[in-house]
Amino acid sequence: GFRKDFFPGAAILREWLPLGGNVVLTADAHDTAALTFGFAQAAAQLKELGYGKVLVLGKNGFTPCAL
């Protein structure tokens, strides 16, 4: 039951980057084993699109994290 593509898709992400858009990797997991499913592939796609970082939510808010 996993998606075969990421949301938002590449077309939106291409438009978002030059506008200064930030990206957060998340999951709609219902099992701890699936919590980071697809993250490596999503990160690779973001790098291909020109992204160099994602935002990670921690106790002090969002922090940039290099891909």
Protein backbone atom coordinates (compact mmCIF):
# COMPACT_ATOMS: atom_id res chain seq x y z
CA GLY A 1 0.00 0.00 0.00
CA PHE A 2 2.92 2.41 -0.38
CA ARG A 3 2.86 5.31 -2.84
CA LYS A 4 4.99 4.96 -5.92
CA ASP A 5 5.81 8.67 -6.10
CA PHE A 6 6.48 11.52 -3.70
CA PHE A 7 4.25 14.44 -2.83
CA PRO A 8 4.72 17.11 -3.87
CA GLY A 9 6.05 15.91 -7.17
CA ALA A 10 9.16 17.01 -9.03
CA ALA A 11 7.37 19.69 -11.07
CA ILE A 12 6.24 21.55 -7.94
CA LEU A 13 9.59 21.08 -6.20
CA ARG A 14 11.39 22.58 -9.23
CA GLU A 15 9.22 25.70 -8.99
CA TRP A 16 9.54 25.87 -5.18
CA LEU A 17 13.37 25.91 -4.98
CA PRO A 18 14.03 29.26 -6.74
CA LEU A 19 11.38 30.86 -4.53
CA GLY A 20 13.44 29.93 -1.47
CA GLY A 21 11.17 27.06 -0.52
CA ASN A 22 12.17 24.65 2.21
CA VAL A 23 11.41 20.94 2.38
CA VAL A 24 10.63 18.67 5.32
CA LEU A 25 10.65 14.88 4.87
CA THR A 26 7.70 13.28 6.65
CA ALA A 27 5.84 10.00 6.69
CA ASP A 28 2.25 8.90 7.18
CA ALA A 29 3.42 5.73 8.88
CA HIS A 30 1.18 3.49 10.95
CA ASP A 31 4.04 1.24 12.02
CA THR A 32 7.46 2.17 13.42
CA ALA A 33 9.12 -0.06 10.82
CA ALA A 34 7.78 2.25 8.08
CA LEU A 35 8.60 5.53 9.81
CA THR A 36 11.46 6.43 7.44
CA PHE A 37 10.40 4.34 4.45
CA GLY A 38 11.48 6.03 1.22
CA PHE A 39 13.48 8.80 2.93
CA ALA A 40 16.75 7.87 1.17
CA GLN A 41 15.00 7.86 -2.22
CA ALA A 42 13.26 11.18 -1.46
CA ALA A 43 16.57 12.74 -0.40
CA ALA A 44 18.22 11.51 -3.61
CA GLN A 45 15.42 13.02 -5.70
CA LEU A 46 15.72 16.33 -3.86
CA LYS A 47 19.47 16.40 -4.51
CA GLU A 48 18.86 15.73 -8.22
CA LEU A 49 16.48 18.69 -8.26
CA GLY A 50 19.11 20.97 -6.71
CA TYR A 51 18.16 20.94 -3.05
CA GLY A 52 21.08 20.89 -0.64
CA LYS A 53 19.18 20.70 2.63
CA VAL A 54 15.96 19.73 4.35
CA LEU A 55 14.51 21.09 7.57
CA VAL A 56 14.42 18.84 10.63
CA LEU A 57 12.06 19.55 13.52
CA GLY A 58 13.69 19.33 16.92
CA LYS A 59 13.04 20.66 20.41
CA ASN A 60 14.23 24.14 19.33
CA GLY A 61 12.19 24.30 16.14
CA PHE A 62 13.25 23.64 12.56
CA THR A 63 16.96 23.29 11.79
CA PRO A 64 18.56 22.94 8.34
CA CYS A 65 20.20 19.56 7.72
CA ALA A 66 22.44 18.92 4.70
CA LEU A 67 21.34 16.21 2.31
